[in-house]
Amino acid sequence: MTRFSLRVRWAVCLVVLAAPLFSACRTDVVPLSVRFRQEHSFLMSRSARLLVFESAPCTDLIQSVRASSFGDALFDSGSVQACDVYNGEVVFEGLPDRELAFVALSYDRDGVSLLTEGCRIANPYDSDGAVVIVQDVTDHYITEVAAQPAECSDPQRRCDGSCP
């Protein structure tokens, strides 16, 4: 299993009149770890997306994001390069201190077809260490991508640009 760490910074808490949603924000730095069960699935991923939702069953959230429904996310990184996740360049700011749903996705070259998906329900401040999201491969990966050779055989070399 390949592990990619991402430091999550909780910075500015918004204080609004609807205080119940935001009154428990914290500014602690919380690590987030996105793990791919198959290294090849990361090597074939071109883009990624990280989302945070109010706590809900992961199966429901995965079905929703498969249909490209991201509307009620508390945080949405938008489309970022898969290596941005690897290099820790995506940060979360101002999330509440309560149980949340963390969703990570990675996409094929077309930017639309899902290669991996994962979800974890956690309060980031209650976890021992990092909030870990384990990525499972999708049917698209199994049927269309798994047999293809990766252009680079090492995640670190891929992300630092040292692969041809």
N, C-alpha and C. Protein backbone atom coordinates (compact mmCIF):
# COMPACT_ATOMS: atom_id res chain seq x y z
N MET A 1 0.86 -1.17 0.00
CA MET A 1 0.00 0.00 0.00
C MET A 1 0.90 1.23 0.00
N THR A 2 0.63 2.16 -0.87
CA THR A 2 1.41 3.38 -0.98
C THR A 2 0.80 4.46 -0.10
N ARG A 3 1.64 5.17 0.65
CA ARG A 3 1.16 6.19 1.58
C ARG A 3 1.61 7.56 1.11
N PHE A 4 0.70 8.47 1.05
CA PHE A 4 0.99 9.85 0.70
C PHE A 4 0.48 10.73 1.81
N SER A 5 1.35 11.50 2.41
CA SER A 5 0.95 12.33 3.54
C SER A 5 0.64 13.75 3.08
N LEU A 6 -0.30 14.32 3.75
CA LEU A 6 -0.72 15.68 3.46
C LEU A 6 -0.96 16.33 4.80
N ARG A 7 -0.31 17.43 5.08
CA ARG A 7 -0.55 18.14 6.34
C ARG A 7 -1.73 19.05 6.13
N VAL A 8 -2.67 18.92 7.00
CA VAL A 8 -3.89 19.70 6.89
C VAL A 8 -3.81 20.83 7.90
N ARG A 9 -3.90 22.05 7.42
CA ARG A 9 -3.85 23.20 8.31
C ARG A 9 -5.25 23.74 8.49
N TRP A 10 -5.63 23.90 9.71
CA TRP A 10 -6.92 24.50 10.05
C TRP A 10 -6.59 25.92 10.48
N ALA A 11 -6.93 26.89 9.69
CA ALA A 11 -6.46 28.23 9.98
C ALA A 11 -7.58 29.12 10.47
N VAL A 12 -8.22 29.79 9.58
CA VAL A 12 -9.17 30.83 9.95
C VAL A 12 -10.55 30.24 10.20
N CYS A 13 -11.08 30.42 11.38
CA CYS A 13 -12.46 30.01 11.65
C CYS A 13 -13.37 31.18 11.35
N LEU A 14 -14.38 30.91 10.60
CA LEU A 14 -15.34 31.96 10.28
C LEU A 14 -16.33 32.11 11.42
N VAL A 15 -16.53 33.33 11.84
CA VAL A 15 -17.52 33.59 12.87
C VAL A 15 -18.70 34.24 12.18
N VAL A 16 -19.79 33.54 12.16
CA VAL A 16 -21.00 34.03 11.52
C VAL A 16 -22.16 33.91 12.48
N LEU A 17 -23.27 34.50 12.12
CA LEU A 17 -24.43 34.42 12.99
C LEU A 17 -24.95 32.99 13.12
N ALA A 18 -24.72 32.17 12.11
CA ALA A 18 -25.11 30.76 12.19
C ALA A 18 -24.01 30.01 12.93
N ALA A 19 -23.72 30.42 14.12
CA ALA A 19 -22.60 29.92 14.91
C ALA A 19 -22.58 28.42 15.15
N PRO A 20 -23.67 27.70 15.22
CA PRO A 20 -23.57 26.27 15.48
C PRO A 20 -22.70 25.52 14.47
N LEU A 21 -22.65 25.98 13.23
CA LEU A 21 -21.82 25.29 12.26
C LEU A 21 -20.34 25.58 12.42
N PHE A 22 -20.00 26.76 12.87
CA PHE A 22 -18.61 27.16 12.86
C PHE A 22 -18.03 27.47 14.24
N SER A 23 -18.80 27.35 15.28
CA SER A 23 -18.32 27.78 16.58
C SER A 23 -17.23 26.88 17.14
N ALA A 24 -17.09 25.69 16.62
CA ALA A 24 -16.10 24.78 17.16
C ALA A 24 -14.90 24.61 16.24
N CYS A 25 -14.55 25.61 15.45
CA CYS A 25 -13.39 25.53 14.58
C CYS A 25 -12.12 25.56 15.40
N ARG A 26 -11.09 24.91 14.88
CA ARG A 26 -9.80 24.90 15.56
C ARG A 26 -8.72 25.29 14.56
N THR A 27 -7.58 25.66 15.10
CA THR A 27 -6.48 26.08 14.24
C THR A 27 -5.32 25.09 14.28
N ASP A 28 -5.52 23.91 14.87
CA ASP A 28 -4.47 22.90 14.95
C ASP A 28 -4.08 22.41 13.55
N VAL A 29 -2.84 21.98 13.43
CA VAL A 29 -2.39 21.33 12.21
C VAL A 29 -2.67 19.84 12.37
N VAL A 30 -3.41 19.29 11.42
CA VAL A 30 -3.82 17.89 11.48
C VAL A 30 -3.31 17.17 10.23
N PRO A 31 -2.58 16.06 10.39
CA PRO A 31 -2.11 15.34 9.21
C PRO A 31 -3.22 14.50 8.57
N LEU A 32 -3.21 14.46 7.25
CA LEU A 32 -4.12 13.63 6.47
C LEU A 32 -3.26 12.74 5.59
N SER A 33 -3.59 11.47 5.55
CA SER A 33 -2.82 10.52 4.76
C SER A 33 -3.75 9.85 3.74
N VAL A 34 -3.40 9.99 2.46
CA VAL A 34 -4.16 9.34 1.39
C VAL A 34 -3.33 8.14 0.94
N ARG A 35 -3.91 6.96 1.07
CA ARG A 35 -3.19 5.72 0.74
C ARG A 35 -3.87 5.02 -0.42
N PHE A 36 -3.06 4.58 -1.35
CA PHE A 36 -3.55 3.84 -2.50
C PHE A 36 -3.23 2.37 -2.28
N ARG A 37 -4.26 1.52 -2.34
CA ARG A 37 -4.03 0.08 -2.15
C ARG A 37 -3.09 -0.48 -3.21
N GLN A 38 -3.11 0.11 -4.40
CA GLN A 38 -2.24 -0.32 -5.48
C GLN A 38 -1.42 0.88 -5.96
N GLU A 39 -0.11 0.79 -5.84
CA GLU A 39 0.77 1.88 -6.25
C GLU A 39 0.52 2.27 -7.71
N HIS A 40 0.28 1.29 -8.55
CA HIS A 40 0.02 1.54 -9.97
C HIS A 40 -1.16 2.49 -10.16
N SER A 41 -2.17 2.39 -9.31
CA SER A 41 -3.34 3.28 -9.46
C SER A 41 -2.95 4.74 -9.22
N PHE A 42 -2.01 5.00 -8.32
CA PHE A 42 -1.52 6.37 -8.16
C PHE A 42 -0.69 6.78 -9.38
N LEU A 43 0.18 5.89 -9.82
CA LEU A 43 1.04 6.22 -10.95
C LEU A 43 0.25 6.55 -12.21
N MET A 44 -0.94 5.98 -12.34
CA MET A 44 -1.78 6.23 -13.50
C MET A 44 -2.74 7.42 -13.30
N SER A 45 -2.84 7.91 -12.07
CA SER A 45 -3.74 9.04 -11.77
C SER A 45 -3.11 10.34 -12.25
N ARG A 46 -3.89 11.15 -12.94
CA ARG A 46 -3.40 12.44 -13.41
C ARG A 46 -3.87 13.58 -12.53
N SER A 47 -5.08 13.46 -12.01
CA SER A 47 -5.60 14.53 -11.15
C SER A 47 -6.28 13.90 -9.94
N ALA A 48 -6.54 14.74 -8.96
CA ALA A 48 -7.17 14.29 -7.72
C ALA A 48 -8.12 15.36 -7.23
N ARG A 49 -8.95 14.99 -6.28
CA ARG A 49 -9.89 15.92 -5.66
C ARG A 49 -10.10 15.48 -4.23
N LEU A 50 -10.00 16.42 -3.31
CA LEU A 50 -10.23 16.15 -1.89
C LEU A 50 -11.43 16.96 -1.45
N LEU A 51 -12.34 16.31 -0.74
CA LEU A 51 -13.56 16.96 -0.28
C LEU A 51 -13.80 16.63 1.18
N VAL A 52 -14.50 17.56 1.86
CA VAL A 52 -14.93 17.32 3.23
C VAL A 52 -16.41 17.67 3.30
N PHE A 53 -17.18 16.74 3.87
CA PHE A 53 -18.62 16.90 4.00
C PHE A 53 -19.01 16.77 5.45
N GLU A 54 -20.22 17.24 5.77
CA GLU A 54 -20.80 16.89 7.06
C GLU A 54 -20.86 15.37 7.11
N SER A 55 -20.77 14.83 8.28
CA SER A 55 -20.75 13.38 8.42
C SER A 55 -22.00 12.75 7.79
N ALA A 56 -21.77 11.76 6.95
CA ALA A 56 -22.83 11.01 6.27
C ALA A 56 -22.25 9.64 5.94
N PRO A 57 -23.08 8.67 5.66
CA PRO A 57 -22.53 7.35 5.30
C PRO A 57 -21.63 7.45 4.07
N CYS A 58 -20.47 6.84 4.14
CA CYS A 58 -19.51 6.90 3.03
C CYS A 58 -20.10 6.35 1.74
N THR A 59 -20.89 5.29 1.83
CA THR A 59 -21.47 4.73 0.60
C THR A 59 -22.34 5.77 -0.11
N ASP A 60 -23.10 6.56 0.65
CA ASP A 60 -23.94 7.60 0.05
C ASP A 60 -23.08 8.69 -0.59
N LEU A 61 -22.02 9.08 0.11
CA LEU A 61 -21.14 10.14 -0.43
C LEU A 61 -20.42 9.67 -1.69
N ILE A 62 -19.94 8.44 -1.69
CA ILE A 62 -19.25 7.92 -2.87
C ILE A 62 -20.21 7.88 -4.06
N GLN A 63 -21.44 7.45 -3.83
CA GLN A 63 -22.42 7.44 -4.92
C GLN A 63 -22.66 8.86 -5.44
N SER A 64 -22.72 9.81 -4.54
CA SER A 64 -22.96 11.20 -4.92
C SER A 64 -21.80 11.75 -5.75
N VAL A 65 -20.57 11.53 -5.31
CA VAL A 65 -19.44 12.07 -6.06
C VAL A 65 -19.23 11.34 -7.38
N ARG A 66 -19.62 10.06 -7.46
CA ARG A 66 -19.57 9.36 -8.75
C ARG A 66 -20.47 10.05 -9.77
N ALA A 67 -21.56 10.65 -9.27
CA ALA A 67 -22.48 11.38 -10.14
C ALA A 67 -22.07 12.85 -10.28
N SER A 68 -20.85 13.16 -9.85
CA SER A 68 -20.30 14.53 -9.92
C SER A 68 -21.12 15.54 -9.13
N SER A 69 -21.67 15.11 -8.01
CA SER A 69 -22.42 16.01 -7.13
C SER A 69 -21.54 16.37 -5.94
N PHE A 70 -20.98 17.58 -5.96
CA PHE A 70 -20.07 18.04 -4.91
C PHE A 70 -20.62 19.25 -4.17
N GLY A 71 -21.85 19.64 -4.44
CA GLY A 71 -22.41 20.90 -4.01
C GLY A 71 -22.40 21.22 -2.54
N ASP A 72 -22.59 20.25 -1.67
CA ASP A 72 -22.71 20.57 -0.25
C ASP A 72 -21.43 20.31 0.54
N ALA A 73 -20.30 20.29 -0.14
CA ALA A 73 -19.03 20.06 0.53
C ALA A 73 -18.64 21.28 1.37
N LEU A 74 -18.10 21.03 2.55
CA LEU A 74 -17.54 22.10 3.39
C LEU A 74 -16.22 22.58 2.80
N PHE A 75 -15.52 21.66 2.17
CA PHE A 75 -14.25 21.97 1.52
C PHE A 75 -14.17 21.17 0.23
N ASP A 76 -13.69 21.79 -0.83
CA ASP A 76 -13.51 21.13 -2.11
C ASP A 76 -12.22 21.67 -2.72
N SER A 77 -11.25 20.83 -2.89
CA SER A 77 -9.98 21.27 -3.47
C SER A 77 -10.11 21.60 -4.94
N GLY A 78 -11.20 21.14 -5.58
CA GLY A 78 -11.28 21.23 -7.02
C GLY A 78 -10.27 20.26 -7.61
N SER A 79 -10.13 20.29 -8.91
CA SER A 79 -9.19 19.40 -9.57
C SER A 79 -7.76 19.89 -9.34
N VAL A 80 -6.94 19.02 -8.79
CA VAL A 80 -5.53 19.32 -8.56
C VAL A 80 -4.71 18.18 -9.14
N GLN A 81 -3.47 18.42 -9.42
CA GLN A 81 -2.59 17.37 -9.90
C GLN A 81 -2.42 16.32 -8.80
N ALA A 82 -2.38 15.05 -9.17
CA ALA A 82 -2.22 13.98 -8.18
C ALA A 82 -0.95 14.20 -7.35
N CYS A 83 0.07 14.72 -7.96
CA CYS A 83 1.31 14.97 -7.23
C CYS A 83 1.18 16.12 -6.22
N ASP A 84 0.22 17.02 -6.42
CA ASP A 84 -0.02 18.05 -5.41
C ASP A 84 -0.46 17.42 -4.09
N VAL A 85 -1.26 16.36 -4.19
CA VAL A 85 -1.65 15.63 -2.98
C VAL A 85 -0.42 14.96 -2.39
N TYR A 86 0.36 14.32 -3.23
CA TYR A 86 1.58 13.65 -2.79
C TYR A 86 2.53 14.62 -2.09
N ASN A 87 2.67 15.81 -2.64
CA ASN A 87 3.61 16.79 -2.11
C ASN A 87 3.04 17.64 -0.97
N GLY A 88 1.79 17.40 -0.57
CA GLY A 88 1.21 18.12 0.55
C GLY A 88 0.84 19.56 0.25
N GLU A 89 0.51 19.86 -0.99
CA GLU A 89 0.23 21.24 -1.38
C GLU A 89 -1.24 21.64 -1.22
N VAL A 90 -2.10 20.70 -0.86
CA VAL A 90 -3.51 21.01 -0.65
C VAL A 90 -3.76 21.12 0.85
N VAL A 91 -4.38 22.22 1.28
CA VAL A 91 -4.65 22.42 2.70
C VAL A 91 -6.14 22.72 2.90
N PHE A 92 -6.62 22.36 4.08
CA PHE A 92 -7.98 22.67 4.48
C PHE A 92 -7.91 23.80 5.50
N GLU A 93 -8.85 24.72 5.45
CA GLU A 93 -8.85 25.81 6.41
C GLU A 93 -10.23 25.98 7.02
N GLY A 94 -10.28 26.21 8.34
CA GLY A 94 -11.49 26.61 9.02
C GLY A 94 -12.58 25.58 9.13
N LEU A 95 -12.22 24.31 9.23
CA LEU A 95 -13.25 23.28 9.38
C LEU A 95 -13.63 23.12 10.85
N PRO A 96 -14.86 22.72 11.13
CA PRO A 96 -15.32 22.58 12.50
C PRO A 96 -14.72 21.36 13.20
N ASP A 97 -14.71 21.45 14.51
CA ASP A 97 -14.18 20.38 15.37
C ASP A 97 -15.32 19.42 15.70
N ARG A 98 -15.60 18.52 14.76
CA ARG A 98 -16.62 17.49 14.94
C ARG A 98 -16.40 16.42 13.89
N GLU A 99 -17.18 15.38 13.97
CA GLU A 99 -17.07 14.29 13.01
C GLU A 99 -17.44 14.79 11.61
N LEU A 100 -16.55 14.52 10.65
CA LEU A 100 -16.73 14.93 9.26
C LEU A 100 -16.44 13.76 8.34
N ALA A 101 -16.85 13.88 7.11
CA ALA A 101 -16.56 12.86 6.10
C ALA A 101 -15.49 13.40 5.15
N PHE A 102 -14.38 12.70 5.07
CA PHE A 102 -13.27 13.06 4.20
C PHE A 102 -13.30 12.14 2.98
N VAL A 103 -13.33 12.71 1.79
CA VAL A 103 -13.42 11.94 0.55
C VAL A 103 -12.22 12.31 -0.33
N ALA A 104 -11.56 11.29 -0.87
CA ALA A 104 -10.46 11.50 -1.80
C ALA A 104 -10.76 10.73 -3.08
N LEU A 105 -10.48 11.37 -4.21
CA LEU A 105 -10.73 10.78 -5.52
C LEU A 105 -9.50 10.99 -6.39
N SER A 106 -9.26 10.05 -7.30
CA SER A 106 -8.24 10.29 -8.32
C SER A 106 -8.82 9.92 -9.67
N TYR A 107 -8.33 10.62 -10.70
CA TYR A 107 -8.92 10.52 -12.03
C TYR A 107 -7.90 10.09 -13.08
N ASP A 108 -8.41 9.48 -14.14
CA ASP A 108 -7.65 9.05 -15.29
C ASP A 108 -7.20 10.28 -16.10
N ARG A 109 -6.49 10.04 -17.17
CA ARG A 109 -5.96 11.12 -18.02
C ARG A 109 -7.04 12.06 -18.54
N ASP A 110 -8.25 11.52 -18.73
CA ASP A 110 -9.33 12.35 -19.27
C ASP A 110 -9.89 13.34 -18.24
N GLY A 111 -9.51 13.19 -16.97
CA GLY A 111 -9.98 14.09 -15.93
C GLY A 111 -11.41 13.85 -15.49
N VAL A 112 -12.05 12.82 -16.03
CA VAL A 112 -13.45 12.54 -15.73
C VAL A 112 -13.63 11.14 -15.13
N SER A 113 -12.92 10.16 -15.67
CA SER A 113 -13.09 8.77 -15.25
C SER A 113 -12.35 8.51 -13.94
N LEU A 114 -13.10 8.06 -12.94
CA LEU A 114 -12.52 7.78 -11.63
C LEU A 114 -11.64 6.54 -11.66
N LEU A 115 -10.43 6.68 -11.12
CA LEU A 115 -9.55 5.52 -10.95
C LEU A 115 -9.62 4.98 -9.54
N THR A 116 -9.65 5.88 -8.56
CA THR A 116 -9.73 5.46 -7.16
C THR A 116 -10.69 6.37 -6.41
N GLU A 117 -11.20 5.83 -5.31
CA GLU A 117 -12.10 6.59 -4.45
C GLU A 117 -11.95 6.06 -3.03
N GLY A 118 -12.09 6.96 -2.08
CA GLY A 118 -12.00 6.56 -0.69
C GLY A 118 -12.73 7.55 0.19
N CYS A 119 -13.16 7.08 1.35
CA CYS A 119 -13.91 7.92 2.28
C CYS A 119 -13.58 7.48 3.70
N ARG A 120 -13.55 8.44 4.60
CA ARG A 120 -13.30 8.16 6.02
C ARG A 120 -14.11 9.14 6.85
N ILE A 121 -14.86 8.62 7.82
CA ILE A 121 -15.58 9.45 8.78
C ILE A 121 -14.70 9.59 10.01
N ALA A 122 -14.42 10.83 10.39
CA ALA A 122 -13.55 11.05 11.55
C ALA A 122 -13.65 12.49 12.03
N ASN A 123 -13.41 12.67 13.31
CA ASN A 123 -13.12 13.99 13.83
C ASN A 123 -11.61 14.12 13.77
N PRO A 124 -11.09 15.01 12.96
CA PRO A 124 -9.64 15.07 12.77
C PRO A 124 -8.87 15.35 14.05
N TYR A 125 -9.53 15.90 15.04
CA TYR A 125 -8.86 16.23 16.29
C TYR A 125 -8.91 15.10 17.30
N ASP A 126 -9.72 14.08 17.03
CA ASP A 126 -9.82 12.94 17.93
C ASP A 126 -8.95 11.78 17.49
N SER A 127 -8.46 11.80 16.27
CA SER A 127 -7.71 10.66 15.76
C SER A 127 -6.31 10.62 16.34
N ASP A 128 -5.81 9.42 16.50
CA ASP A 128 -4.42 9.23 16.93
C ASP A 128 -3.54 9.31 15.69
N GLY A 129 -2.93 10.43 15.46
CA GLY A 129 -2.13 10.60 14.26
C GLY A 129 -2.98 11.16 13.13
N ALA A 130 -2.73 10.68 11.94
CA ALA A 130 -3.37 11.21 10.74
C ALA A 130 -4.77 10.65 10.52
N VAL A 131 -5.60 11.44 9.86
CA VAL A 131 -6.85 10.93 9.31
C VAL A 131 -6.44 10.20 8.04
N VAL A 132 -6.70 8.90 7.98
CA VAL A 132 -6.27 8.08 6.86
C VAL A 132 -7.44 7.79 5.94
N ILE A 133 -7.26 8.08 4.65
CA ILE A 133 -8.25 7.74 3.63
C ILE A 133 -7.60 6.71 2.72
N VAL A 134 -8.17 5.52 2.69
CA VAL A 134 -7.64 4.45 1.85
C VAL A 134 -8.41 4.44 0.53
N GLN A 135 -7.66 4.50 -0.56
CA GLN A 135 -8.23 4.55 -1.90
C GLN A 135 -8.43 3.14 -2.45
N ASP A 136 -9.64 2.85 -2.87
CA ASP A 136 -9.94 1.61 -3.56
C ASP A 136 -10.06 1.89 -5.05
N VAL A 137 -9.67 0.92 -5.87
CA VAL A 137 -9.76 1.10 -7.31
C VAL A 137 -11.21 0.95 -7.76
N THR A 138 -11.53 1.60 -8.87
CA THR A 138 -12.88 1.56 -9.44
C THR A 138 -12.94 0.52 -10.56
N ASP A 139 -14.15 0.26 -11.01
CA ASP A 139 -14.32 -0.65 -12.16
C ASP A 139 -13.59 -0.12 -13.39
N HIS A 140 -13.61 1.20 -13.58
CA HIS A 140 -12.89 1.79 -14.72
C HIS A 140 -11.41 1.44 -14.66
N TYR A 141 -10.81 1.56 -13.49
CA TYR A 141 -9.39 1.21 -13.34
C TYR A 141 -9.17 -0.25 -13.70
N ILE A 142 -10.00 -1.14 -13.16
CA ILE A 142 -9.84 -2.58 -13.37
C ILE A 142 -9.96 -2.94 -14.85
N THR A 143 -10.96 -2.39 -15.52
CA THR A 143 -11.22 -2.81 -16.90
C THR A 143 -10.42 -2.04 -17.95
N GLU A 144 -10.06 -0.79 -17.67
CA GLU A 144 -9.44 0.04 -18.69
C GLU A 144 -7.98 0.41 -18.44
N VAL A 145 -7.53 0.37 -17.20
CA VAL A 145 -6.23 0.97 -16.88
C VAL A 145 -5.24 -0.02 -16.27
N ALA A 146 -5.69 -0.96 -15.51
CA ALA A 146 -4.80 -1.83 -14.73
C ALA A 146 -3.74 -2.53 -15.57
N ALA A 147 -4.06 -2.91 -16.79
CA ALA A 147 -3.11 -3.64 -17.63
C ALA A 147 -2.13 -2.72 -18.36
N GLN A 148 -2.35 -1.42 -18.32
CA GLN A 148 -1.47 -0.47 -19.00
C GLN A 148 -0.20 -0.25 -18.19
N PRO A 149 0.94 -0.13 -18.85
CA PRO A 149 2.17 0.18 -18.10
C PRO A 149 2.19 1.65 -17.68
N ALA A 150 2.72 1.91 -16.51
CA ALA A 150 2.88 3.30 -16.05
C ALA A 150 4.11 3.90 -16.71
N GLU A 151 4.05 5.20 -16.97
CA GLU A 151 5.19 5.91 -17.57
C GLU A 151 6.37 5.99 -16.61
N CYS A 152 6.07 5.93 -15.33
CA CYS A 152 7.09 6.02 -14.30
C CYS A 152 6.79 4.94 -13.26
N SER A 153 7.81 4.30 -12.74
CA SER A 153 7.58 3.19 -11.81
C SER A 153 7.70 3.58 -10.34
N ASP A 154 8.01 4.84 -10.06
CA ASP A 154 8.22 5.26 -8.68
C ASP A 154 7.47 6.57 -8.40
N PRO A 155 6.60 6.59 -7.38
CA PRO A 155 5.83 7.81 -7.09
C PRO A 155 6.70 9.04 -6.81
N GLN A 156 7.75 8.88 -6.04
CA GLN A 156 8.61 10.01 -5.70
C GLN A 156 9.25 10.60 -6.96
N ARG A 157 9.79 9.72 -7.79
CA ARG A 157 10.42 10.18 -9.03
C ARG A 157 9.41 10.82 -9.96
N ARG A 158 8.20 10.26 -10.01
CA ARG A 158 7.15 10.84 -10.85
C ARG A 158 6.87 12.28 -10.42
N CYS A 159 6.72 12.46 -9.11
CA CYS A 159 6.32 13.78 -8.61
C CYS A 159 7.45 14.80 -8.55
N ASP A 160 8.68 14.34 -8.50
CA ASP A 160 9.77 15.33 -8.52
C ASP A 160 10.27 15.61 -9.94
N GLY A 161 9.61 14.96 -10.92
CA GLY A 161 9.91 15.24 -12.32
C GLY A 161 11.12 14.51 -12.86
N SER A 162 11.66 13.52 -12.15
CA SER A 162 12.87 12.86 -12.63
C SER A 162 12.58 11.66 -13.52
N CYS A 163 11.33 11.34 -13.79
CA CYS A 163 11.01 10.29 -14.76
C CYS A 163 10.97 10.89 -16.15
N PRO A 164 11.30 10.08 -17.16
CA PRO A 164 11.28 10.61 -18.54
C PRO A 164 9.88 10.97 -18.97
